[in-house]
Amino acid sequence: MPPGKPRPPISSQPISGRARIMNFHFFFMGSAGDFFPLFRTSIALLSRGHSVTFVASDEYVWIRPFIEKTPISLVCINADTRFEQGEKPTFDVGGHRSLSDLVEPLVSAHFRYVQDTYVPGNTVFINYIGYVGVKFACEHLGAPYVGVLYAPNPLAETGIFDDDSLAKLSGALQRVASDNHISLVPTVDLTWILSSPYNLAYFPQWMGNLGESVFHAGFPYPVKNDATLPGEVVVFLAERKGEKIVLFTPGTSMPDPAFYAGIVIEACVQLGIHCIVVSHQIGQLALQPEWHGRVLLLGQIEFEAIFDKVDLVIHHAGVGTLSEALRFGVPQLVKPEFWDQFYNASFIETRNVGRAVKKEAFTRETLTYLIDDILTSDDIHQACKKMQVECLNQNGAVISADFLESILVHDKVASQHDPVVETL
């Protein structure tokens, strides 16, 4: 199939009785919304005997506790001497108009990684679609490639890549092509970036239908829910049984989370309700005397352990947090910042499962009104329960694992290199 031309999605059918272990390589950005869909899919693949490698663009320390509990291999290409690319990009989206500053230095490293690890007939590369080096290498080698979409409005609509960013990436790709004596180089534009032989969307069609060329797996929930609550959370909840509790999580990409956490806490205290704050940067938050007994600060917690025990989730409108709240039927109050978050916020309001507030209006007075309005709204709670039923009808982690397993069986490139695949 010509590079850049989307292939209609194959049917998602579990493949049993395989003659070999399949190798899946996942490339991801550093946010929780990027990591957990792939991680949960990987757990499903590992349970079927396959091999999984995660390729990180930086040393994301927070993911290691999850990875280390599994047989997943983790490669940090900036920490690996084979893929050293000089200055390490950092995941600080609040200071970037686009992602080119993050992905441009990785083009050559990703290209070489694919070259070094591709084994025809049993290797699939699953890629965040902005990493053009992975896509280019797969097209050059004829390797099975899957472009991943996390939200219904892809890059073309979020404005992540402007003309200057695309020009930088095009130049980086040209240099890679020259270094590897490749004459055919695609034009790096949004059409090429968004086109893949296979496209996997980690959200259901009823949230946003991207067309027949995209396989909508649905929200990727944990294959097995074995998350447990830390002791301090158990005590906090037990002592406040029957009282309203709000959870605030700014995600891994919200700028200045301590500032916004303070506003949320002030609103909760004014309403006489309790608040749990989950953030990697809570150390920057100074506890006030009037908050005593009403606030619990946590660095990290698994959402599946806590969301069914709170009455409202306030967050950044990331699709990962959104999907977890829908799964547990919890109302949401969101403050979108960039990218897909505005679409997600609109979805929340359209489906009446919560409210959205602009960051300029994110004040104690506004939040006091909105929190009270949401907690006392029967319509919102009924809408949340309805959406919960829809979410529980499918698990995108299992469905996406079925989809990825099927690729090598159906992919002509794989069968040409390895006739054994045709008999599976």
Protein backbone atom coordinates (compact mmCIF):
# COMPACT_ATOMS: atom_id res chain seq x y z
CA MET A 1 0.00 0.00 0.00
CA PRO A 2 1.41 3.45 -0.89
CA PRO A 3 2.84 5.39 2.07
CA GLY A 4 0.39 7.77 3.67
CA LYS A 5 -2.77 6.13 2.33
CA PRO A 6 -5.10 5.03 5.15
CA ARG A 7 -6.09 1.38 5.19
CA PRO A 8 -9.68 0.51 6.19
CA PRO A 9 -9.70 -1.00 9.67
CA ILE A 10 -9.62 -4.76 9.98
CA SER A 11 -12.09 -6.62 12.11
CA SER A 12 -11.11 -7.00 15.73
CA GLN A 13 -10.86 -10.75 16.20
CA PRO A 14 -8.82 -12.45 18.95
CA ILE A 15 -6.15 -14.67 17.46
CA SER A 16 -5.47 -17.93 19.27
CA GLY A 17 -2.96 -20.72 18.80
CA ARG A 18 -0.13 -18.51 17.56
CA ALA A 19 3.11 -20.23 16.57
CA ARG A 20 5.28 -17.37 17.82
CA ILE A 21 5.44 -14.51 20.28
CA MET A 22 4.67 -11.15 18.73
CA ASN A 23 6.72 -8.07 19.59
CA PHE A 24 4.89 -4.79 20.17
CA HIS A 25 6.76 -1.48 20.50
CA PHE A 26 4.81 1.47 21.92
CA PHE A 27 6.00 5.09 21.50
CA PHE A 28 4.37 7.64 23.78
CA MET A 29 4.48 11.17 25.14
CA GLY A 30 4.87 11.80 28.85
CA SER A 31 1.34 12.58 29.99
CA ALA A 32 -0.86 10.12 31.86
CA GLY A 33 -3.43 10.40 29.07
CA ASP A 34 -0.84 9.08 26.61
CA PHE A 35 0.65 6.43 28.86
CA PHE A 36 -2.27 4.59 30.43
CA PRO A 37 -4.18 3.61 27.25
CA LEU A 38 -1.04 1.96 25.88
CA PHE A 39 -0.11 0.48 29.25
CA ARG A 40 -3.52 -1.14 29.71
CA THR A 41 -3.44 -2.52 26.18
CA SER A 42 0.01 -3.91 26.94
CA ILE A 43 -1.27 -5.75 30.01
CA ALA A 44 -3.81 -7.50 27.79
CA LEU A 45 -1.10 -8.40 25.26
CA LEU A 46 1.25 -9.68 27.96
CA SER A 47 -1.48 -11.96 29.30
CA ARG A 48 -1.55 -13.59 25.85
CA GLY A 49 2.18 -14.31 25.89
CA HIS A 50 3.44 -11.46 23.72
CA SER A 51 6.48 -9.23 24.23
CA VAL A 52 6.02 -5.50 24.89
CA THR A 53 8.51 -2.61 24.84
CA PHE A 54 7.74 0.98 25.78
CA VAL A 55 9.88 3.63 24.10
CA ALA A 56 9.92 6.86 26.10
CA SER A 57 11.16 10.21 24.84
CA ASP A 58 12.48 11.11 28.27
CA GLU A 59 13.07 9.57 31.69
CA TYR A 60 9.53 9.88 33.00
CA VAL A 61 10.17 8.81 36.58
CA TRP A 62 6.48 8.64 37.49
CA ILE A 63 5.77 5.75 35.08
CA ARG A 64 8.46 3.43 36.46
CA PRO A 65 6.41 2.05 39.39
CA PHE A 66 3.80 0.87 36.88
CA ILE A 67 6.32 -0.57 34.41
CA GLU A 68 8.38 -2.33 37.07
CA LYS A 69 5.39 -4.44 38.16
CA THR A 70 5.21 -5.99 34.68
CA PRO A 71 7.49 -7.76 32.15
CA ILE A 72 7.36 -4.65 29.93
CA SER A 73 10.77 -3.46 28.71
CA LEU A 74 11.35 0.29 29.01
CA VAL A 75 13.71 2.14 26.67
CA CYS A 76 14.44 5.82 27.30
CA ILE A 77 16.06 6.79 24.04
CA ASN A 78 17.71 9.90 25.45
CA ALA A 79 19.33 7.84 28.20
CA ASP A 80 20.51 5.14 25.80
CA THR A 81 23.91 5.85 24.22
CA ARG A 82 22.79 4.32 20.92
CA PHE A 83 20.13 6.98 20.59
CA GLU A 84 21.77 9.97 22.25
CA GLN A 85 20.41 13.15 20.69
CA GLY A 86 22.06 15.90 22.69
CA GLU A 87 19.76 18.15 24.69
CA LYS A 88 16.84 16.22 26.15
CA PRO A 89 13.34 17.48 25.36
CA THR A 90 11.16 18.02 28.40
CA PHE A 91 7.42 17.59 28.70
CA ASP A 92 6.44 21.14 29.59
CA VAL A 93 3.49 21.73 27.32
CA GLY A 94 2.42 24.86 29.12
CA GLY A 95 5.37 26.69 27.63
CA HIS A 96 5.03 25.37 24.09
CA ARG A 97 2.82 26.65 21.33
CA SER A 98 3.47 23.44 19.43
CA LEU A 99 5.12 20.07 19.97
CA SER A 100 7.92 20.52 17.46
CA ASP A 101 10.39 21.41 20.22
CA LEU A 102 9.67 18.02 21.75
CA VAL A 103 9.54 15.75 18.73
CA GLU A 104 12.06 17.27 16.29
CA PRO A 105 15.18 16.12 18.22
CA LEU A 106 13.74 12.61 18.34
CA VAL A 107 13.26 12.08 14.60
CA SER A 108 16.66 10.49 14.01
CA ALA A 109 16.60 8.52 17.27
CA HIS A 110 13.19 7.05 16.51
CA PHE A 111 14.20 6.18 12.95
CA ARG A 112 17.27 4.30 14.16
CA TYR A 113 15.32 2.54 16.89
CA VAL A 114 12.88 1.11 14.36
CA GLN A 115 15.76 0.09 12.10
CA ASP A 116 17.51 -1.72 14.95
CA THR A 117 14.49 -3.53 16.38
CA TYR A 118 12.32 -4.44 13.40
CA VAL A 119 12.01 -8.18 12.81
CA PRO A 120 9.86 -8.90 9.73
CA GLY A 121 6.86 -11.06 10.46
CA ASN A 122 6.44 -10.55 14.19
CA THR A 123 6.95 -6.86 15.01
CA VAL A 124 4.38 -4.05 15.22
CA PHE A 125 5.10 -0.41 16.03
CA ILE A 126 2.37 1.58 17.78
CA ASN A 127 3.04 5.28 17.68
CA TYR A 128 1.83 8.62 18.99
CA ILE A 129 1.13 10.18 15.60
CA GLY A 130 3.35 13.22 16.15
CA TYR A 131 6.54 11.11 16.16
CA VAL A 132 7.30 11.33 12.45
CA GLY A 133 10.61 9.44 12.66
CA VAL A 134 8.78 6.25 13.64
CA LYS A 135 6.26 6.60 10.83
CA PHE A 136 8.95 7.35 8.23
CA ALA A 137 11.07 4.37 9.30
CA CYS A 138 8.10 2.01 9.14
CA GLU A 139 7.17 3.22 5.67
CA HIS A 140 10.77 2.83 4.52
CA LEU A 141 11.09 -0.70 5.92
CA GLY A 142 7.55 -1.84 5.19
CA ALA A 143 7.01 -2.47 8.89
CA PRO A 144 3.48 -2.72 10.35
CA TYR A 145 2.63 0.68 11.83
CA VAL A 146 -0.32 1.85 13.91
CA GLY A 147 -1.08 5.53 14.47
CA VAL A 148 -2.75 6.19 17.82
CA LEU A 149 -5.41 8.84 18.42
CA TYR A 150 -6.43 9.66 21.98
CA ALA A 151 -9.22 12.14 21.32
CA PRO A 152 -11.77 12.90 18.57
CA ASN A 153 -10.08 16.11 17.41
CA PRO A 154 -6.68 15.09 16.02
CA LEU A 155 -3.68 17.32 15.41
CA ALA A 156 -5.26 19.19 12.52
CA GLU A 157 -7.95 20.59 14.79
CA THR A 158 -5.92 21.16 17.95
CA GLY A 159 -3.37 23.42 16.28
CA ILE A 160 -0.41 21.55 17.77
CA PHE A 161 1.65 21.81 14.59
CA ASP A 162 1.83 25.20 12.90
CA ASP A 163 3.64 25.89 9.62
CA ASP A 164 6.93 26.61 11.38
CA SER A 165 6.74 23.35 13.31
CA LEU A 166 6.01 21.35 10.18
CA ALA A 167 8.96 22.99 8.44
CA LYS A 168 11.27 21.99 11.32
CA LEU A 169 10.05 18.40 11.22
CA SER A 170 10.38 18.30 7.44
CA GLY A 171 13.98 19.47 7.71
CA ALA A 172 14.71 16.83 10.36
CA LEU A 173 13.21 14.13 8.16
CA GLN A 174 15.24 15.31 5.17
CA ARG A 175 18.43 15.01 7.23
CA VAL A 176 17.50 11.48 8.29
CA ALA A 177 16.79 10.55 4.68
CA SER A 178 20.12 11.99 3.53
CA ASP A 179 22.06 10.18 6.27
CA ASN A 180 20.43 6.90 5.28
CA HIS A 181 20.63 7.43 1.49
CA ILE A 182 16.85 7.49 1.08
CA SER A 183 15.65 9.40 -1.97
CA LEU A 184 11.87 9.20 -1.47
CA VAL A 185 10.88 11.55 1.36
CA PRO A 186 7.24 12.41 2.11
CA THR A 187 6.04 15.94 2.58
CA VAL A 188 5.60 16.48 6.30
CA ASP A 189 2.14 17.98 6.50
CA LEU A 190 -0.95 17.22 8.53
CA THR A 191 -2.34 14.92 5.85
CA TRP A 192 0.75 12.72 6.00
CA ILE A 193 1.03 12.83 9.80
CA LEU A 194 -2.59 11.81 10.27
CA SER A 195 -2.54 9.04 7.67
CA SER A 196 -1.46 5.58 8.76
CA PRO A 197 -1.81 2.04 7.41
CA TYR A 198 -3.75 1.36 10.61
CA ASN A 199 -5.37 3.91 12.88
CA LEU A 200 -6.40 3.12 16.46
CA ALA A 201 -8.65 5.47 18.43
CA TYR A 202 -8.84 5.10 22.21
CA PHE A 203 -12.39 6.41 22.49
CA PRO A 204 -15.82 5.17 21.37
CA GLN A 205 -17.53 6.31 18.20
CA TRP A 206 -20.30 7.96 20.21
CA MET A 207 -17.75 10.43 21.56
CA GLY A 208 -16.48 11.30 18.09
CA ASN A 209 -16.49 9.32 14.84
CA LEU A 210 -13.31 9.80 12.79
CA GLY A 211 -14.54 7.69 9.88
CA GLU A 212 -14.08 4.24 8.42
CA SER A 213 -10.28 4.46 8.22
CA VAL A 214 -10.06 4.56 12.03
CA PHE A 215 -10.70 1.64 14.37
CA HIS A 216 -12.50 2.96 17.46
CA ALA A 217 -11.55 0.65 20.33
CA GLY A 218 -13.32 2.60 23.06
CA PHE A 219 -11.98 3.82 26.39
CA PRO A 220 -9.13 1.59 27.63
CA TYR A 221 -10.06 0.58 31.14
CA PRO A 222 -7.88 -1.70 33.30
CA VAL A 223 -8.17 -5.34 32.31
CA LYS A 224 -8.17 -6.24 36.00
CA ASN A 225 -9.08 -3.74 38.68
CA ASP A 226 -6.75 -4.61 41.56
CA ALA A 227 -5.99 -1.06 42.68
CA THR A 228 -5.98 -0.47 46.43
CA LEU A 229 -6.32 2.67 48.50
CA PRO A 230 -3.38 3.93 50.59
CA GLY A 231 -4.00 3.72 54.32
CA GLU A 232 -4.21 7.48 54.77
CA VAL A 233 -6.99 7.67 52.18
CA VAL A 234 -8.92 4.86 53.85
CA VAL A 235 -8.78 6.74 57.16
CA PHE A 236 -9.70 10.08 55.55
CA LEU A 237 -12.77 8.58 53.87
CA ALA A 238 -13.87 6.60 56.93
CA GLU A 239 -13.79 9.67 59.16
CA ARG A 240 -15.95 11.59 56.66
CA LYS A 241 -18.44 8.88 55.77
CA GLY A 242 -21.67 10.34 54.43
CA GLU A 243 -20.13 13.76 53.75
CA LYS A 244 -19.45 15.29 50.32
CA ILE A 245 -15.93 14.88 48.95
CA VAL A 246 -14.45 16.61 45.89
CA LEU A 247 -11.33 15.30 44.15
CA PHE A 248 -9.08 17.69 42.23
CA THR A 249 -6.47 16.33 39.81
CA PRO A 250 -4.70 18.74 37.45
CA GLY A 251 -3.20 15.92 35.39
CA THR A 252 0.41 15.84 34.26
CA SER A 253 0.21 18.84 31.94
CA MET A 254 -1.72 21.64 33.71
CA PRO A 255 0.49 24.68 34.32
CA ASP A 256 0.79 25.83 37.96
CA PRO A 257 -1.32 23.07 39.54
CA ALA A 258 -0.63 24.28 43.09
CA PHE A 259 -2.25 27.65 42.30
CA TYR A 260 -5.43 26.05 40.99
CA ALA A 261 -5.49 23.51 43.81
CA GLY A 262 -5.58 26.38 46.27
CA ILE A 263 -8.62 27.85 44.55
CA VAL A 264 -10.44 24.51 44.60
CA ILE A 265 -9.69 24.02 48.28
CA GLU A 266 -10.88 27.53 49.16
CA ALA A 267 -14.18 26.89 47.37
CA CYS A 268 -14.66 23.54 49.12
CA VAL A 269 -13.90 25.03 52.53
CA GLN A 270 -16.41 27.80 51.91
CA LEU A 271 -19.05 25.17 51.06
CA GLY A 272 -18.16 23.09 54.11
CA ILE A 273 -17.15 20.03 52.09
CA HIS A 274 -13.95 18.01 51.92
CA CYS A 275 -11.29 17.92 49.21
CA ILE A 276 -8.66 15.44 48.01
CA VAL A 277 -5.90 16.88 45.81
CA VAL A 278 -3.85 14.53 43.61
CA SER A 279 -0.81 16.13 41.99
CA HIS A 280 2.91 15.50 41.50
CA GLN A 281 3.52 19.11 42.50
CA ILE A 282 1.59 19.31 45.76
CA GLY A 283 4.84 20.15 47.54
CA GLN A 284 4.42 23.67 46.17
CA LEU A 285 1.07 24.05 47.94
CA ALA A 286 1.22 25.71 51.36
CA LEU A 287 -1.48 24.38 53.69
CA GLN A 288 -3.51 27.10 55.37
CA PRO A 289 -4.73 26.78 59.00
CA GLU A 290 -8.39 27.08 57.95
CA TRP A 291 -8.01 24.03 55.70
CA HIS A 292 -7.15 21.75 58.61
CA GLY A 293 -9.21 18.56 58.65
CA ARG A 294 -10.82 19.21 55.27
CA VAL A 295 -7.98 18.53 52.84
CA LEU A 296 -5.90 15.49 51.91
CA LEU A 297 -2.89 15.98 49.62
CA LEU A 298 -1.63 13.04 47.56
CA GLY A 299 1.21 12.79 45.08
CA GLN A 300 -0.36 9.93 43.14
CA ILE A 301 -3.26 7.50 43.30
CA GLU A 302 -4.88 5.09 40.85
CA PHE A 303 -8.20 6.55 39.76
CA GLU A 304 -9.98 3.20 39.72
CA ALA A 305 -9.39 2.96 43.47
CA ILE A 306 -10.85 6.35 44.41
CA PHE A 307 -13.31 7.67 41.81
CA ASP A 308 -16.27 5.65 43.08
CA LYS A 309 -15.75 7.13 46.54
CA VAL A 310 -15.96 10.84 45.66
CA ASP A 311 -18.90 13.03 44.64
CA LEU A 312 -17.22 15.28 42.06
CA VAL A 313 -13.99 15.26 40.06
CA ILE A 314 -12.42 18.58 39.05
CA HIS A 315 -9.75 18.26 36.37
CA HIS A 316 -8.09 19.60 33.22
CA ALA A 317 -10.47 17.96 30.71
CA GLY A 318 -7.92 15.34 29.72
CA VAL A 319 -9.55 12.38 28.00
CA GLY A 320 -8.04 9.87 30.43
CA THR A 321 -9.55 11.51 33.51
CA LEU A 322 -12.78 12.15 31.62
CA SER A 323 -13.16 8.49 30.68
CA GLU A 324 -12.49 7.30 34.24
CA ALA A 325 -15.10 9.68 35.64
CA LEU A 326 -17.63 8.46 33.06
CA ARG A 327 -16.83 4.87 33.97
CA PHE A 328 -17.66 5.47 37.63
CA GLY A 329 -20.62 7.77 36.99
CA VAL A 330 -19.01 10.73 38.75
CA PRO A 331 -19.93 14.33 37.77
CA GLN A 332 -17.10 16.48 36.43
CA LEU A 333 -16.02 20.11 36.52
CA VAL A 334 -13.27 20.86 34.01
CA LYS A 335 -10.90 23.68 33.10
CA PRO A 336 -9.52 23.06 29.59
CA GLU A 337 -6.13 24.52 28.70
CA PHE A 338 -5.18 23.35 25.20
CA TRP A 339 -5.28 20.66 22.50
CA ASP A 340 -8.14 18.16 22.76
CA GLN A 341 -9.27 19.48 26.13
CA PHE A 342 -11.68 22.04 24.66
CA TYR A 343 -13.44 19.33 22.67
CA ASN A 344 -13.61 17.16 25.78
CA ALA A 345 -15.04 20.02 27.83
CA SER A 346 -17.70 20.61 25.20
CA PHE A 347 -18.56 16.90 25.24
CA ILE A 348 -19.01 16.98 29.02
CA GLU A 349 -21.42 19.89 28.82
CA THR A 350 -23.29 18.51 25.80
CA ARG A 351 -23.87 15.19 27.56
CA ASN A 352 -24.75 17.04 30.79
CA VAL A 353 -22.31 15.02 32.89
CA GLY A 354 -20.73 18.14 34.33
CA ARG A 355 -19.70 21.72 33.68
CA ALA A 356 -16.75 23.53 32.12
CA VAL A 357 -15.12 26.77 33.22
CA LYS A 358 -12.60 28.95 31.39
CA LYS A 359 -9.29 29.44 33.16
CA GLU A 360 -9.95 33.19 33.36
CA ALA A 361 -13.11 32.43 35.36
CA PHE A 362 -11.48 29.82 37.59
CA THR A 363 -12.00 31.75 40.83
CA ARG A 364 -13.18 30.79 44.31
CA GLU A 365 -16.51 32.54 43.73
CA THR A 366 -17.18 30.79 40.42
CA LEU A 367 -16.14 27.39 41.72
CA THR A 368 -18.23 27.76 44.86
CA TYR A 369 -21.30 28.28 42.69
CA LEU A 370 -20.48 25.53 40.16
CA ILE A 371 -19.56 22.88 42.74
CA ASP A 372 -22.79 23.47 44.63
CA ASP A 373 -24.80 23.49 41.39
CA ILE A 374 -23.32 20.18 40.20
CA LEU A 375 -23.62 18.39 43.54
CA THR A 376 -27.30 19.30 43.86
CA SER A 377 -28.32 18.62 40.24
CA ASP A 378 -30.44 15.49 39.79
CA ASP A 379 -30.22 15.88 36.00
CA ILE A 380 -26.43 15.72 36.02
CA HIS A 381 -26.37 12.67 38.27
CA GLN A 382 -28.89 10.85 36.08
CA ALA A 383 -26.87 11.69 32.95
CA CYS A 384 -23.73 10.36 34.63
CA LYS A 385 -25.41 7.05 35.43
CA LYS A 386 -26.61 6.74 31.84
CA MET A 387 -23.12 7.37 30.47
CA GLN A 388 -21.68 4.89 32.96
CA VAL A 389 -23.77 2.12 31.42
CA GLU A 390 -22.53 3.02 27.93
CA CYS A 391 -18.90 2.98 29.07
CA LEU A 392 -19.15 -0.39 30.79
CA ASN A 393 -20.45 -2.06 27.62
CA GLN A 394 -16.92 -2.36 26.22
CA ASN A 395 -13.27 -2.24 27.27
CA GLY A 396 -10.95 -0.54 24.82
CA ALA A 397 -7.85 -2.18 26.31
CA VAL A 398 -9.05 -5.68 25.41
CA ILE A 399 -10.51 -4.61 22.06
CA SER A 400 -7.34 -2.77 21.04
CA ALA A 401 -5.24 -5.81 21.99
CA ASP A 402 -7.44 -7.93 19.70
CA PHE A 403 -6.95 -5.36 16.95
CA LEU A 404 -3.16 -5.26 17.32
CA GLU A 405 -2.91 -9.05 17.42
CA SER A 406 -4.82 -9.26 14.16
CA ILE A 407 -2.56 -6.90 12.23
CA LEU A 408 0.23 -9.34 11.41
CA VAL A 409 -2.26 -11.94 10.26
CA HIS A 410 -3.94 -9.53 7.86
CA ASP A 411 -0.97 -7.38 6.85
CA LYS A 412 0.40 -8.27 3.42
CA VAL A 413 3.86 -7.02 4.32
CA ALA A 414 4.09 -9.48 7.20
CA SER A 415 2.86 -12.43 5.16
CA GLN A 416 5.33 -11.68 2.35
CA HIS A 417 8.23 -11.76 4.79
CA ASP A 418 6.97 -14.70 6.84
CA PRO A 419 4.76 -17.32 5.11
CA VAL A 420 4.07 -18.95 8.50
CA VAL A 421 1.81 -16.04 9.37
CA GLU A 422 -0.56 -16.94 6.54
CA THR A 423 -1.35 -20.28 8.17
CA LEU A 424 -2.24 -18.88 11.60
